[in-house]
N, C-alpha and C. Protein backbone atom coordinates (compact mmCIF):
# COMPACT_ATOMS: atom_id res chain seq x y z
N MET A 1 84.49 134.62 125.13
CA MET A 1 84.92 133.86 125.90
C MET A 1 86.54 135.12 126.58
N PHE A 2 86.77 135.45 125.73
CA PHE A 2 87.71 136.31 126.00
C PHE A 2 87.76 138.16 126.54
N GLU A 3 86.27 137.95 126.59
CA GLU A 3 85.52 139.68 126.96
C GLU A 3 86.46 139.65 128.97
N ASN A 4 85.82 138.45 129.64
CA ASN A 4 86.75 138.79 130.50
C ASN A 4 88.15 138.99 131.12
N MET A 5 89.05 138.54 130.62
CA MET A 5 90.50 138.47 130.06
C MET A 5 91.40 139.63 129.99
N ASN A 6 91.89 139.79 131.27
CA ASN A 6 92.52 140.96 131.60
C ASN A 6 93.91 140.36 131.75
N LEU A 7 94.67 140.95 130.69
CA LEU A 7 96.29 141.46 129.75
C LEU A 7 97.34 141.01 130.72
N GLY A 8 96.94 142.13 132.08
CA GLY A 8 98.00 142.26 132.96
C GLY A 8 98.07 141.61 134.43
N ASP A 9 96.90 140.89 133.78
CA ASP A 9 96.91 139.34 134.98
C ASP A 9 97.11 138.17 134.32
N MET A 10 97.01 138.19 133.00
CA MET A 10 98.00 137.00 131.86
C MET A 10 99.41 137.28 132.12
N GLY A 11 99.94 138.41 131.85
CA GLY A 11 100.95 138.73 132.12
C GLY A 11 101.78 138.71 133.56
N LYS A 12 101.35 138.76 134.82
CA LYS A 12 101.76 138.37 135.86
C LYS A 12 101.23 136.93 135.96
N MET A 13 100.78 136.72 135.54
CA MET A 13 100.42 134.85 136.01
C MET A 13 101.76 134.16 135.11
N LEU A 14 101.98 134.23 133.57
CA LEU A 14 103.27 134.44 133.23
C LEU A 14 104.34 134.37 134.11
N GLU A 15 104.53 135.38 133.97
CA GLU A 15 105.91 135.44 134.77
C GLU A 15 106.20 134.45 135.98
N GLN A 16 105.19 134.36 136.80
CA GLN A 16 105.30 133.53 138.25
C GLN A 16 105.37 131.71 137.42
N VAL A 17 104.28 131.58 136.36
CA VAL A 17 104.97 130.30 135.80
C VAL A 17 106.25 130.54 135.74
N GLN A 18 106.85 131.04 134.98
CA GLN A 18 108.25 131.45 134.47
C GLN A 18 109.22 131.14 135.84
N GLU A 19 108.79 131.92 136.76
CA GLU A 19 109.19 131.92 138.11
C GLU A 19 109.48 130.82 138.71
N GLN A 20 108.63 130.17 138.72
CA GLN A 20 108.20 128.61 139.33
C GLN A 20 109.05 127.05 138.25
N ALA A 21 108.99 127.54 137.23
CA ALA A 21 109.34 127.02 135.89
C ALA A 21 111.19 126.46 136.68
N LYS A 22 111.73 127.74 137.22
CA LYS A 22 113.39 128.21 137.50
C LYS A 22 113.40 127.43 138.53
N LYS A 23 112.74 127.72 139.35
CA LYS A 23 112.91 127.01 140.76
C LYS A 23 112.46 125.17 140.69
N MET A 24 111.63 125.19 140.02
CA MET A 24 111.66 123.71 139.67
C MET A 24 112.79 123.06 139.35
N GLU A 25 113.23 123.88 138.05
CA GLU A 25 114.70 123.35 137.41
C GLU A 25 115.67 123.28 138.59
N ALA A 26 116.15 124.67 139.02
CA ALA A 26 117.45 124.47 140.15
C ALA A 26 117.05 123.26 141.49
N GLU A 27 116.03 123.18 141.70
CA GLU A 27 115.43 121.83 142.47
C GLU A 27 115.71 120.40 142.34
N MET A 28 115.53 120.42 140.92
CA MET A 28 115.97 118.80 140.11
C MET A 28 117.20 118.91 139.79
N GLU A 29 118.18 120.05 139.18
CA GLU A 29 119.67 120.11 139.25
C GLU A 29 120.42 119.69 140.87
N SER A 30 119.41 119.95 142.26
CA SER A 30 120.46 119.79 142.81
C SER A 30 120.05 117.93 143.30
N LYS A 31 119.12 117.83 143.07
CA LYS A 31 118.58 116.31 143.61
C LYS A 31 119.65 114.92 142.99
N GLU A 32 119.65 114.04 143.43
CA GLU A 32 120.70 112.96 143.12
C GLU A 32 119.39 111.73 143.66
N TYR A 33 120.07 110.67 142.34
CA TYR A 33 119.12 109.48 142.48
C TYR A 33 119.84 108.45 142.16
N ILE A 34 119.87 107.37 142.61
CA ILE A 34 120.25 105.76 142.92
C ILE A 34 119.44 104.70 142.53
N ALA A 35 120.05 104.44 140.97
CA ALA A 35 119.70 103.19 141.07
C ALA A 35 120.59 101.72 141.37
N LYS A 36 120.12 100.58 141.00
CA LYS A 36 120.99 99.17 141.83
C LYS A 36 120.32 98.51 140.70
N ALA A 37 121.70 97.85 140.17
CA ALA A 37 120.91 95.62 139.52
C ALA A 37 121.99 95.12 140.37
N GLY A 38 122.34 93.94 139.99
CA GLY A 38 122.02 92.29 140.50
C GLY A 38 122.56 92.57 141.68
N GLY A 39 121.29 93.09 142.55
CA GLY A 39 121.12 92.64 144.04
C GLY A 39 122.34 94.03 144.67
N GLY A 40 122.64 95.13 144.32
CA GLY A 40 123.42 95.83 144.68
C GLY A 40 124.99 95.79 143.96
N MET A 41 125.15 95.28 143.60
CA MET A 41 126.43 94.72 142.86
C MET A 41 127.15 95.54 142.06
N LEU A 42 125.72 96.31 141.45
CA LEU A 42 126.57 97.39 140.72
C LEU A 42 125.34 98.83 141.31
N GLU A 43 125.77 99.90 141.41
CA GLU A 43 125.27 101.49 141.27
C GLU A 43 125.05 102.20 140.91
N ILE A 44 124.61 103.35 140.52
CA ILE A 44 125.12 104.49 140.11
C ILE A 44 123.95 105.30 139.82
N LYS A 45 124.64 106.69 140.94
CA LYS A 45 124.28 107.18 141.35
C LYS A 45 124.60 108.45 139.71
N MET A 46 122.96 109.15 139.67
CA MET A 46 123.12 110.21 138.99
C MET A 46 122.23 111.07 139.36
N SER A 47 122.88 112.32 138.33
CA SER A 47 122.44 113.74 139.14
C SER A 47 120.49 114.31 138.58
N GLY A 48 120.43 115.20 138.83
CA GLY A 48 118.55 115.72 138.06
C GLY A 48 118.86 115.75 136.92
N LYS A 49 120.15 116.50 136.18
CA LYS A 49 119.53 116.62 135.37
C LYS A 49 120.26 115.29 134.09
N GLY A 50 120.41 114.79 135.12
CA GLY A 50 120.23 113.03 133.57
C GLY A 50 121.91 112.74 133.37
N GLU A 51 122.58 113.70 134.73
CA GLU A 51 124.76 113.12 134.53
C GLU A 51 124.76 112.30 135.44
N VAL A 52 125.62 111.60 135.42
CA VAL A 52 126.01 110.18 135.63
C VAL A 52 126.32 110.87 136.43
N ILE A 53 126.78 111.12 138.02
CA ILE A 53 127.78 111.18 139.22
C ILE A 53 128.74 110.26 139.44
N ASP A 54 128.18 108.79 139.10
CA ASP A 54 129.14 108.36 140.22
C ASP A 54 128.73 106.44 139.79
N ILE A 55 129.35 105.52 139.87
CA ILE A 55 129.27 104.37 139.71
C ILE A 55 130.61 103.42 140.27
N ASN A 56 129.44 101.99 141.11
CA ASN A 56 130.22 101.32 141.80
C ASN A 56 130.03 100.32 141.51
N ILE A 57 131.19 99.23 140.96
CA ILE A 57 131.18 97.94 140.71
C ILE A 57 131.72 97.05 141.84
N ASP A 58 131.03 96.54 141.62
CA ASP A 58 131.31 95.00 142.71
C ASP A 58 132.80 94.20 142.01
N ASP A 59 133.66 93.91 142.37
CA ASP A 59 135.12 93.67 141.64
C ASP A 59 134.45 92.34 141.22
N SER A 60 133.47 91.17 141.53
CA SER A 60 133.07 89.38 141.19
C SER A 60 132.66 90.40 139.52
N LEU A 61 132.12 91.32 139.43
CA LEU A 61 131.00 92.07 137.77
C LEU A 61 132.56 91.93 136.71
N LEU A 62 133.74 92.32 137.47
CA LEU A 62 134.35 92.74 136.14
C LEU A 62 135.26 91.75 135.83
N GLU A 63 135.14 90.53 136.15
CA GLU A 63 135.21 88.76 135.40
C GLU A 63 134.36 88.39 134.30
N ASP A 64 133.54 89.68 134.32
CA ASP A 64 131.80 88.82 133.29
C ASP A 64 131.85 90.32 132.59
N LYS A 65 132.20 90.75 131.59
CA LYS A 65 132.12 91.45 130.88
C LYS A 65 130.61 91.52 130.45
N SER A 66 129.95 90.79 129.98
CA SER A 66 128.78 90.66 129.04
C SER A 66 127.48 90.74 130.45
N SER A 67 127.72 90.05 131.86
CA SER A 67 126.87 90.36 132.32
C SER A 67 126.93 92.07 132.88
N LEU A 68 128.43 92.75 132.96
CA LEU A 68 128.56 94.33 133.56
C LEU A 68 128.21 95.44 132.62
N GLN A 69 127.80 94.77 131.02
CA GLN A 69 127.41 95.32 130.50
C GLN A 69 126.37 95.42 130.23
N ILE A 70 125.27 94.57 130.86
CA ILE A 70 123.46 94.53 130.94
C ILE A 70 123.59 94.63 131.94
N MET A 71 123.87 94.81 133.11
CA MET A 71 123.35 95.29 134.44
C MET A 71 123.27 97.15 134.22
N LEU A 72 124.71 97.43 133.35
CA LEU A 72 124.91 99.22 133.45
C LEU A 72 123.93 99.49 132.09
N ILE A 73 123.51 99.37 131.47
CA ILE A 73 122.46 99.43 130.19
C ILE A 73 120.56 99.28 131.60
N SER A 74 120.86 98.78 132.54
CA SER A 74 119.91 98.35 132.60
C SER A 74 119.99 99.80 134.48
N CYS A 75 121.06 99.80 134.76
CA CYS A 75 121.10 100.73 135.86
C CYS A 75 120.61 101.78 135.31
N ILE A 76 121.45 102.59 134.17
CA ILE A 76 121.26 103.98 133.91
C ILE A 76 119.69 104.22 133.19
N ASN A 77 118.90 103.22 132.69
CA ASN A 77 117.91 103.31 132.11
C ASN A 77 116.57 103.63 133.73
N ASP A 78 117.34 102.80 134.37
CA ASP A 78 116.45 102.61 136.01
C ASP A 78 116.74 104.05 136.51
N ALA A 79 117.87 104.42 136.67
CA ALA A 79 117.80 106.04 137.32
C ALA A 79 117.61 106.79 136.28
N ASN A 80 117.74 107.01 134.55
CA ASN A 80 116.72 107.65 133.94
C ASN A 80 115.34 108.04 134.48
N LYS A 81 114.71 106.66 134.14
CA LYS A 81 113.89 106.72 134.99
C LYS A 81 113.07 107.51 135.85
N MET A 82 113.61 107.49 136.80
CA MET A 82 113.31 108.35 138.37
C MET A 82 113.54 109.79 138.21
N VAL A 83 114.85 110.40 137.31
CA VAL A 83 115.05 111.88 136.93
C VAL A 83 113.59 111.70 136.40
N GLU A 84 113.19 110.71 135.11
CA GLU A 84 112.76 112.10 134.30
C GLU A 84 111.35 112.04 134.90
N LYS A 85 110.70 110.93 135.40
CA LYS A 85 109.01 111.04 136.87
C LYS A 85 109.58 111.68 137.58
N ASP A 86 110.59 112.13 138.34
CA ASP A 86 110.35 113.36 138.96
C ASP A 86 110.01 114.77 138.70
N LYS A 87 110.66 114.64 137.25
CA LYS A 87 110.24 115.42 136.39
C LYS A 87 108.81 116.22 136.30
N GLN A 88 108.20 115.22 135.88
CA GLN A 88 106.85 115.13 135.67
C GLN A 88 106.62 115.21 136.70
N ASN A 89 106.45 114.46 137.86
CA ASN A 89 105.64 114.99 138.77
C ASN A 89 105.89 116.36 139.39
N SER A 90 106.92 117.37 139.15
CA SER A 90 107.15 118.96 139.82
C SER A 90 106.01 119.53 139.39
N ALA A 91 106.82 119.16 137.67
CA ALA A 91 105.56 120.02 136.70
C ALA A 91 104.40 119.70 136.97
N MET A 92 103.99 118.66 137.00
CA MET A 92 102.41 118.51 137.56
C MET A 92 101.49 118.86 138.65
N GLY A 93 102.88 119.15 140.01
CA GLY A 93 102.12 119.87 141.12
C GLY A 93 102.84 121.56 140.77
N MET A 94 103.52 122.09 139.66
CA MET A 94 103.21 123.29 139.80
C MET A 94 101.97 123.76 138.91
N LEU A 95 101.88 122.94 137.59
CA LEU A 95 100.77 122.96 137.13
C LEU A 95 99.23 122.81 137.88
N GLY A 96 99.43 122.25 138.98
CA GLY A 96 98.18 121.96 139.88
C GLY A 96 97.89 123.26 140.93
N GLY A 97 99.14 124.26 140.88
CA GLY A 97 98.63 125.43 141.89
C GLY A 97 98.94 126.12 141.66
N MET A 98 98.34 126.22 140.06
CA MET A 98 97.48 126.99 139.39
C MET A 98 96.07 127.57 138.82
N GLY A 99 95.95 126.37 139.82
CA GLY A 99 93.97 126.38 139.90
C GLY A 99 93.67 127.47 139.28
N ASN A 100 93.38 129.49 139.62
CA ASN A 100 92.97 130.19 138.68
C ASN A 100 93.32 130.55 137.69
N LEU A 101 94.06 129.73 136.91
CA LEU A 101 94.76 129.93 135.55
C LEU A 101 93.14 129.94 134.80
N GLY A 102 92.44 129.42 134.68
CA GLY A 102 90.99 129.06 134.04
C GLY A 102 90.12 130.52 133.98
N SER A 103 90.40 131.18 135.82
CA SER A 103 89.29 132.35 136.26
C SER A 103 90.23 133.39 135.10
N MET A 104 91.08 133.40 134.05
CA MET A 104 91.19 134.37 133.20
C MET A 104 90.23 134.33 132.30
N PHE A 105 90.56 133.45 132.34
CA PHE A 105 89.90 133.24 130.82
C PHE A 105 88.11 133.40 130.97
N GLY A 106 87.30 133.96 132.20
CA GLY A 106 86.10 133.86 132.18
C GLY A 106 85.04 132.07 132.51
N ASN A 107 86.33 131.04 132.86
CA ASN A 107 85.40 130.13 133.54
C ASN A 107 85.08 130.31 135.10
N LYS A 108 84.43 129.79 135.41
CA LYS A 108 84.00 129.40 136.70
C LYS A 108 84.13 128.40 137.65
C-alpha cells in the first residue's frame, strides 16, 4: 500500500492543506450571519467566529421579559447553527479540492 507513496509529495500536500485551512479560517472570521425571531422583532448579528456582534430588540419586547428571553435563546442558537453549517460546508469544499490525495497512497 505504501510502496508508491512519496514523502516529499505528502509534505507538500500537508503544507497546502494548512494554507487552505488558514485561508478558510480568515474567510469565516470576516463573515457575518443574521438570525431573526418574532417576525423580525429580534435580530442578532454574529461573526464567523461565533461572537455576537449586534442585537436589535423591538421596544415592545421590553415589556415581556419571558418572551424576550425565549426569543434570544432561539435567535442565538439559530445564528450559531448558521456559523457551524457554513464552517462544515467550507471544510467539505476544501477537502473536495484535494482529489489527488488518494494518488499519494497508490490508489487509482
